[in-house]
Amino acid sequence: MTAIGRWSRSRLDTHAAGRVVGVTGSAGKTSTKDFILAVLRSCFHHAHGAFKSFNNDMGVPVTMANAPDECDAIVLEMGMRGLGEISRLCEVGRPTVGVVTIVGDAHGDRVGGIEGVARAKSELVVALPADGVAVLNADDPRVAAMASLTRARVLTYGTADGCTVRFAIIGVDGDGCCTVDFTADGATARAALTVPGPHMASNACAAVAAGMACGVPLEAAVGALANVEMAGQRVQWRASKSGIRILDDSYNANPSSVVAALHTLRASSAKHHVAVLGAMAEITEPEVSHRRVWQQACDMDIDVIALETDLYGPVGSSLEEAVRAVSGLGPDTAVLVKGSRSSRTERVVDALMNL
């Protein structure tokens, strides 16, 4: 696959030179990738991006191989399951723009904890060429610190006044979707996001900054955010036959992404808020992290049903027990479903949809 990847990457130099965007982070990679692709397509009509979460030694070469001959911009998602993996992906993909979302405890057990995660994620900015651009989340101190590790130009995004691209949430609707102002170079543009969750404002801001690094004007970048097409099983509202609203975020989970999803659930206008949570795999301190998530859910007045795990604190429920508990809550209920791939929480979504 490495040979295929290198051949595929060489094709991109014809039309996409300087617009090969790599995206990594402990959470938000795929949604940020999807936002970036929408932004790039506002100006580059043959822009191409990774399918779903094609982000490993096979996924990155496949993404480039599937790009059309006339591809004029591309987004590569880069995952990490150990130190050196992102460096290898960068050798093949040779990104010219690198975006880092957040550093959290995802696969931390493989790299010695969260500082190891930060080192692994920083491999993207280290690999950027001198004429490249690093796009860093200034709201995450571990990501912001990566500015000292790259020879590339640095753009920052976040909520602080000093960011290259700054965002401010000015409203949230009943689905948890935010209206956001984005400011850069003294100009401001507004977007009504169609993807729920306050954290999506940050991912959208990353996309605006990445677009600007590729030459997309602020107005065009912000205007494209409403056109994003998200991959499945990621913060998508669905409705069961009985009217229960399901926030399907079942694709994967780590502490950072679960807390973000809880905030999204709580922002909805439903009367009852319930989270059906599967176990979070490959984290450094499983017991501590699961209990902390459970406590944060309680603080938000969200009822937690732990699916087939006792790690959160409450006794775990079987699939049948979880579905039965939710089915008795009535139509004015919003249910978050989330867990690591190994917990197969999509089974809960499938069962609830048939209620």
Protein backbone atom coordinates (compact mmCIF):
# COMPACT_ATOMS: atom_id res chain seq x y z
CA MET A 1 0.00 0.00 0.00
CA THR A 2 2.95 2.33 0.60
CA ALA A 3 4.00 2.10 -3.05
CA ILE A 4 0.44 2.76 -4.20
CA GLY A 5 0.24 5.71 -1.83
CA ARG A 6 3.45 7.29 -3.08
CA TRP A 7 2.40 6.88 -6.70
CA SER A 8 -1.03 8.33 -5.92
CA ARG A 9 0.52 11.25 -4.05
CA SER A 10 2.75 12.13 -7.01
CA ARG A 11 -0.39 12.55 -9.16
CA LEU A 12 -1.63 15.26 -6.82
CA ASP A 13 1.30 17.56 -7.58
CA THR A 14 -0.26 18.36 -10.96
CA HIS A 15 -3.33 20.24 -9.73
CA ALA A 16 -3.37 20.09 -5.90
CA ALA A 17 0.09 21.40 -5.07
CA GLY A 18 -0.03 23.21 -1.71
CA ARG A 19 -3.55 21.96 -1.01
CA VAL A 20 -2.93 18.54 0.54
CA VAL A 21 -4.51 18.82 3.99
CA GLY A 22 -3.80 16.32 6.77
CA VAL A 23 -6.10 16.20 9.81
CA THR A 24 -5.47 14.53 13.15
CA GLY A 25 -6.62 14.81 16.75
CA SER A 26 -8.03 12.69 19.55
CA ALA A 27 -11.58 13.70 18.64
CA GLY A 28 -13.20 15.58 15.80
CA LYS A 29 -10.98 14.24 13.01
CA THR A 30 -13.75 12.98 10.78
CA SER A 31 -16.18 15.87 11.30
CA THR A 32 -13.36 18.38 10.79
CA LYS A 33 -12.33 16.53 7.64
CA ASP A 34 -15.92 16.73 6.39
CA PHE A 35 -16.10 20.46 7.16
CA ILE A 36 -12.77 21.08 5.40
CA LEU A 37 -13.93 19.19 2.32
CA ALA A 38 -17.07 21.32 2.13
CA VAL A 39 -14.97 24.49 2.47
CA LEU A 40 -12.48 23.44 -0.20
CA ARG A 41 -15.25 22.54 -2.62
CA SER A 42 -16.49 26.12 -2.48
CA CYS A 43 -13.45 27.12 -4.56
CA PHE A 44 -11.90 23.88 -5.81
CA HIS A 45 -14.52 21.89 -7.66
CA HIS A 46 -12.54 18.65 -7.83
CA ALA A 47 -11.63 18.54 -4.13
CA HIS A 48 -11.52 15.03 -2.70
CA GLY A 49 -11.55 13.64 0.83
CA ALA A 50 -11.25 10.48 2.87
CA PHE A 51 -14.30 8.21 2.88
CA LYS A 52 -15.79 7.84 6.39
CA SER A 53 -12.76 7.26 8.66
CA PHE A 54 -10.17 5.97 6.20
CA ASN A 55 -7.26 7.16 8.32
CA ASN A 56 -4.64 4.41 8.64
CA ASP A 57 -1.83 2.79 6.63
CA MET A 58 -4.41 1.47 4.19
CA GLY A 59 -6.98 4.28 4.32
CA VAL A 60 -4.63 7.15 3.42
CA PRO A 61 -3.22 5.48 0.27
CA VAL A 62 -6.73 4.39 -0.77
CA THR A 63 -8.01 7.96 -0.35
CA MET A 64 -5.29 9.31 -2.64
CA ALA A 65 -5.69 6.48 -5.16
CA ASN A 66 -9.41 7.22 -5.42
CA ALA A 67 -8.84 10.92 -6.12
CA PRO A 68 -9.80 11.97 -9.67
CA ASP A 69 -7.03 12.89 -12.09
CA GLU A 70 -8.17 16.52 -11.98
CA CYS A 71 -8.14 16.63 -8.14
CA ASP A 72 -7.26 20.18 -7.11
CA ALA A 73 -7.37 19.76 -3.31
CA ILE A 74 -7.52 16.79 -0.96
CA VAL A 75 -8.15 16.10 2.73
CA LEU A 76 -6.41 13.16 4.39
CA GLU A 77 -7.56 11.97 7.81
CA MET A 78 -4.69 10.60 9.91
CA GLY A 79 -5.34 8.31 12.85
CA MET A 80 -2.94 7.08 15.50
CA ARG A 81 -2.61 3.80 17.37
CA GLY A 82 1.03 4.26 18.35
CA LEU A 83 4.07 6.51 18.10
CA GLY A 84 5.46 6.81 14.59
CA GLU A 85 2.22 5.98 12.79
CA ILE A 86 1.39 9.55 11.77
CA SER A 87 5.01 10.06 10.67
CA ARG A 88 4.62 7.06 8.35
CA LEU A 89 1.34 8.42 7.00
CA CYS A 90 3.02 11.78 6.36
CA GLU A 91 5.85 10.12 4.43
CA VAL A 92 3.22 8.73 2.07
CA GLY A 93 0.70 11.59 2.03
CA ARG A 94 3.17 14.51 2.28
CA PRO A 95 0.60 17.02 3.59
CA THR A 96 1.26 20.69 2.98
CA VAL A 97 -1.37 21.83 5.51
CA GLY A 98 -1.67 20.08 8.87
CA VAL A 99 -4.67 20.47 11.21
CA VAL A 100 -4.64 19.27 14.83
CA THR A 101 -7.97 19.38 16.69
CA ILE A 102 -7.49 18.28 20.31
CA VAL A 103 -5.29 16.04 22.42
CA GLY A 104 -7.20 13.64 24.65
CA ASP A 105 -6.98 10.17 26.11
CA ALA A 106 -7.65 8.16 22.96
CA HIS A 107 -5.26 5.20 22.54
CA GLY A 108 -3.38 6.62 25.51
CA ASP A 109 -2.71 3.12 26.80
CA ARG A 110 -0.56 2.51 23.71
CA VAL A 111 1.70 5.56 24.09
CA GLY A 112 2.11 6.02 27.84
CA GLY A 113 -0.73 8.45 28.53
CA ILE A 114 -1.92 11.80 27.28
CA GLU A 115 1.57 13.30 26.86
CA GLY A 116 2.39 10.38 24.59
CA VAL A 117 -0.77 11.14 22.63
CA ALA A 118 0.42 14.74 22.22
CA ARG A 119 3.80 13.54 20.93
CA ALA A 120 2.12 11.21 18.46
CA LYS A 121 -0.25 13.88 17.16
CA SER A 122 2.58 16.41 16.83
CA GLU A 123 4.21 14.18 14.21
CA LEU A 124 1.91 15.83 11.67
CA VAL A 125 3.19 19.37 12.28
CA VAL A 126 6.80 18.18 12.48
CA ALA A 127 6.44 16.64 9.02
CA LEU A 128 5.13 19.79 7.33
CA PRO A 129 7.43 21.51 4.82
CA ALA A 130 8.82 24.99 5.43
CA ASP A 131 6.33 26.45 2.94
CA GLY A 132 3.45 24.56 4.56
CA VAL A 133 0.88 25.69 7.12
CA ALA A 134 0.10 24.26 10.56
CA VAL A 135 -3.48 24.91 11.74
CA LEU A 136 -3.58 24.55 15.53
CA ASN A 137 -6.35 24.71 18.13
CA ALA A 138 -5.32 27.53 20.47
CA ASP A 139 -7.96 26.46 23.01
CA ASP A 140 -6.04 23.23 23.70
CA PRO A 141 -2.71 23.99 25.41
CA ARG A 142 -1.09 20.76 24.21
CA VAL A 143 -2.03 21.52 20.62
CA ALA A 144 -1.02 25.19 20.87
CA ALA A 145 2.42 24.11 22.14
CA MET A 146 3.03 22.29 18.85
CA ALA A 147 3.71 25.65 17.20
CA SER A 148 7.30 25.40 18.43
CA LEU A 149 7.80 22.04 16.70
CA THR A 150 7.17 23.03 13.11
CA ARG A 151 9.07 25.00 10.49
CA ALA A 152 5.79 25.74 8.73
CA ARG A 153 3.74 28.91 9.07
CA VAL A 154 1.25 28.64 11.94
CA LEU A 155 -2.42 29.63 11.91
CA THR A 156 -4.36 29.34 15.15
CA TYR A 157 -8.09 28.97 15.68
CA GLY A 158 -10.23 29.15 18.78
CA THR A 159 -12.15 31.53 21.03
CA ALA A 160 -9.34 33.86 22.15
CA ASP A 161 -8.83 37.32 20.65
CA GLY A 162 -5.32 36.49 19.46
CA CYS A 163 -6.36 33.60 17.21
CA THR A 164 -5.86 33.87 13.47
CA VAL A 165 -9.45 32.70 13.05
CA ARG A 166 -11.74 33.25 16.02
CA PHE A 167 -15.23 31.91 16.60
CA ALA A 168 -18.03 32.92 18.94
CA ILE A 169 -21.27 30.98 19.44
CA ILE A 170 -24.14 33.46 19.40
CA GLY A 171 -27.09 31.07 19.56
CA VAL A 172 -28.13 27.42 19.90
CA ASP A 173 -31.37 25.95 18.56
CA GLY A 174 -33.49 23.13 20.00
CA ASP A 175 -31.41 20.50 18.22
CA GLY A 176 -28.18 21.83 19.71
CA CYS A 177 -27.07 23.35 16.38
CA CYS A 178 -25.10 26.57 16.79
CA THR A 179 -25.12 29.90 15.01
CA VAL A 180 -21.50 31.03 14.95
CA ASP A 181 -19.57 34.17 14.06
CA PHE A 182 -16.12 33.62 12.53
CA THR A 183 -13.61 36.46 12.51
CA ALA A 184 -10.31 36.75 10.63
CA ASP A 185 -8.26 39.75 9.47
CA GLY A 186 -10.83 42.15 10.90
CA ALA A 187 -13.74 40.66 8.93
CA THR A 188 -16.62 38.60 10.38
CA ALA A 189 -18.94 36.09 8.70
CA ARG A 190 -21.81 34.15 10.25
CA ALA A 191 -22.96 30.56 9.73
CA ALA A 192 -25.89 28.54 11.05
CA LEU A 193 -24.38 25.09 11.47
CA THR A 194 -26.55 22.11 10.60
CA VAL A 195 -24.54 19.62 12.67
CA PRO A 196 -25.47 19.57 16.38
CA GLY A 197 -23.05 20.26 19.19
CA PRO A 198 -21.18 23.26 20.59
CA HIS A 199 -17.91 21.43 19.86
CA MET A 200 -18.79 21.50 16.17
CA ALA A 201 -18.20 25.26 16.19
CA SER A 202 -14.54 24.57 16.93
CA ASN A 203 -14.30 21.92 14.21
CA ALA A 204 -15.94 24.30 11.74
CA CYS A 205 -13.47 27.02 12.73
CA ALA A 206 -10.59 24.62 12.04
CA ALA A 207 -12.05 24.09 8.59
CA VAL A 208 -12.29 27.83 7.93
CA ALA A 209 -8.63 28.24 8.94
CA ALA A 210 -7.57 25.28 6.78
CA GLY A 211 -9.53 26.70 3.87
CA MET A 212 -7.85 30.08 4.26
CA ALA A 213 -4.47 28.29 4.29
CA CYS A 214 -5.44 26.90 0.88
CA GLY A 215 -6.60 30.26 -0.48
CA VAL A 216 -10.33 30.11 0.26
CA PRO A 217 -11.68 33.56 1.28
CA LEU A 218 -13.39 33.88 4.67
CA GLU A 219 -16.87 34.54 3.23
CA ALA A 220 -16.69 31.54 0.91
CA ALA A 221 -15.35 29.27 3.65
CA VAL A 222 -18.03 30.22 6.16
CA GLY A 223 -20.76 30.05 3.53
CA ALA A 224 -19.80 26.47 2.72
CA LEU A 225 -20.21 25.19 6.29
CA ALA A 226 -23.95 24.64 5.86
CA ASN A 227 -23.23 22.26 2.97
CA VAL A 228 -21.27 19.72 5.00
CA GLU A 229 -22.15 16.04 4.62
CA MET A 230 -21.17 14.16 7.77
CA ALA A 231 -20.18 10.51 7.89
CA GLY A 232 -22.74 8.21 9.48
CA GLN A 233 -23.04 7.44 13.21
CA ARG A 234 -21.67 10.84 14.19
CA VAL A 235 -23.88 13.29 16.12
CA GLN A 236 -26.90 12.70 13.92
CA TRP A 237 -30.45 13.18 15.18
CA ARG A 238 -32.78 10.33 14.28
CA ALA A 239 -36.40 9.66 15.27
CA SER A 240 -37.86 6.31 16.35
CA LYS A 241 -41.31 5.18 15.25
CA SER A 242 -42.66 6.20 18.66
CA GLY A 243 -41.13 9.68 18.50
CA ILE A 244 -38.07 9.18 20.72
CA ARG A 245 -35.22 11.33 19.45
CA ILE A 246 -31.91 9.51 19.13
CA LEU A 247 -28.57 11.29 18.98
CA ASP A 248 -26.60 8.68 17.07
CA ASP A 249 -22.92 9.15 17.88
CA SER A 250 -22.25 5.44 18.03
CA TYR A 251 -19.20 5.22 15.80
CA ASN A 252 -16.55 5.50 18.52
CA ALA A 253 -15.80 7.06 21.91
CA ASN A 254 -13.12 8.44 24.20
CA PRO A 255 -13.51 10.70 27.25
CA SER A 256 -13.25 13.96 25.28
CA SER A 257 -15.74 12.95 22.62
CA VAL A 258 -18.24 11.53 25.12
CA VAL A 259 -18.26 14.74 27.17
CA ALA A 260 -18.74 16.76 23.96
CA ALA A 261 -21.67 14.53 23.02
CA LEU A 262 -23.20 14.93 26.48
CA HIS A 263 -23.14 18.71 26.05
CA THR A 264 -24.83 18.30 22.67
CA LEU A 265 -27.54 16.11 24.20
CA ARG A 266 -28.13 18.57 27.03
CA ALA A 267 -28.50 21.45 24.58
CA SER A 268 -31.54 19.78 23.02
CA SER A 269 -35.02 20.94 24.00
CA ALA A 270 -36.26 17.50 25.10
CA LYS A 271 -37.75 17.02 28.57
CA HIS A 272 -35.80 13.84 29.40
CA HIS A 273 -32.12 13.36 28.55
CA VAL A 274 -30.67 9.84 28.60
CA ALA A 275 -27.23 8.58 27.55
CA VAL A 276 -26.73 4.93 26.66
CA LEU A 277 -22.97 4.57 26.90
CA GLY A 278 -20.78 1.64 25.97
CA ALA A 279 -17.28 1.21 27.32
CA MET A 280 -14.45 3.46 26.15
CA ALA A 281 -11.54 1.30 24.98
CA GLU A 282 -7.78 1.93 24.88
CA ILE A 283 -7.65 4.70 27.47
CA THR A 284 -4.99 5.15 30.13
CA GLU A 285 -7.06 4.95 33.34
CA PRO A 286 -10.32 3.19 32.47
CA GLU A 287 -11.94 3.25 35.90
CA VAL A 288 -11.11 6.88 36.63
CA SER A 289 -12.12 8.07 33.16
CA HIS A 290 -15.44 6.21 33.08
CA ARG A 291 -16.43 7.41 36.57
CA ARG A 292 -15.51 10.97 35.64
CA VAL A 293 -17.74 10.83 32.56
CA TRP A 294 -20.59 9.41 34.64
CA GLN A 295 -20.21 12.23 37.19
CA GLN A 296 -20.25 14.87 34.45
CA ALA A 297 -23.44 13.34 33.04
CA CYS A 298 -25.03 13.45 36.49
CA ASP A 299 -24.00 17.09 36.90
CA MET A 300 -25.84 17.82 33.63
CA ASP A 301 -28.95 15.99 34.85
CA ILE A 302 -28.50 13.25 32.25
CA ASP A 303 -29.51 9.70 33.15
CA VAL A 304 -26.84 7.16 32.20
CA ILE A 305 -27.52 3.61 31.10
CA ALA A 306 -24.23 1.71 30.95
CA LEU A 307 -24.33 -0.85 28.15
CA GLU A 308 -22.76 -4.16 29.15
CA THR A 309 -20.13 -2.55 31.39
CA ASP A 310 -19.82 -1.69 35.08
CA LEU A 311 -16.98 0.81 34.53
CA TYR A 312 -19.20 3.90 34.73
CA GLY A 313 -20.39 3.01 38.23
CA PRO A 314 -24.00 1.88 37.75
CA VAL A 315 -24.48 -1.83 37.13
CA GLY A 316 -24.31 -2.51 33.42
CA SER A 317 -27.46 -3.23 31.45
CA SER A 318 -27.94 -5.74 28.68
CA LEU A 319 -29.06 -4.54 25.27
CA GLU A 320 -32.61 -5.64 26.01
CA GLU A 321 -32.63 -3.93 29.41
CA ALA A 322 -31.30 -0.68 27.94
CA VAL A 323 -33.91 -0.59 25.19
CA ARG A 324 -36.71 -1.45 27.62
CA ALA A 325 -35.64 1.35 29.98
CA VAL A 326 -35.67 3.93 27.20
CA SER A 327 -38.96 2.74 25.70
CA GLY A 328 -40.86 3.65 28.87
CA LEU A 329 -39.79 7.31 28.87
CA GLY A 330 -42.21 8.63 26.26
CA PRO A 331 -41.82 10.78 23.15
CA ASP A 332 -40.35 13.89 24.82
CA THR A 333 -37.06 12.06 25.34
CA ALA A 334 -33.65 12.56 23.75
CA VAL A 335 -31.24 9.63 23.90
CA LEU A 336 -27.52 9.77 23.20
CA VAL A 337 -25.98 6.49 22.05
CA LYS A 338 -22.19 6.35 22.15
CA GLY A 339 -19.36 3.91 22.80
CA SER A 340 -16.14 2.52 21.39
CA ARG A 341 -16.29 0.26 18.36
CA SER A 342 -15.81 -2.79 20.57
CA SER A 343 -19.05 -2.05 22.46
CA ARG A 344 -21.14 -2.09 19.25
CA THR A 345 -23.55 0.57 20.44
CA GLU A 346 -25.06 0.79 16.96
CA ARG A 347 -27.15 -2.20 18.11
CA VAL A 348 -28.92 0.16 20.51
CA VAL A 349 -29.69 2.63 17.73
CA ASP A 350 -31.10 -0.12 15.53
CA ALA A 351 -33.31 -1.42 18.35
CA LEU A 352 -34.55 2.04 19.37
CA MET A 353 -35.42 2.98 15.80
CA ASN A 354 -37.96 0.15 15.76
CA LEU A 355 -39.74 1.19 18.96
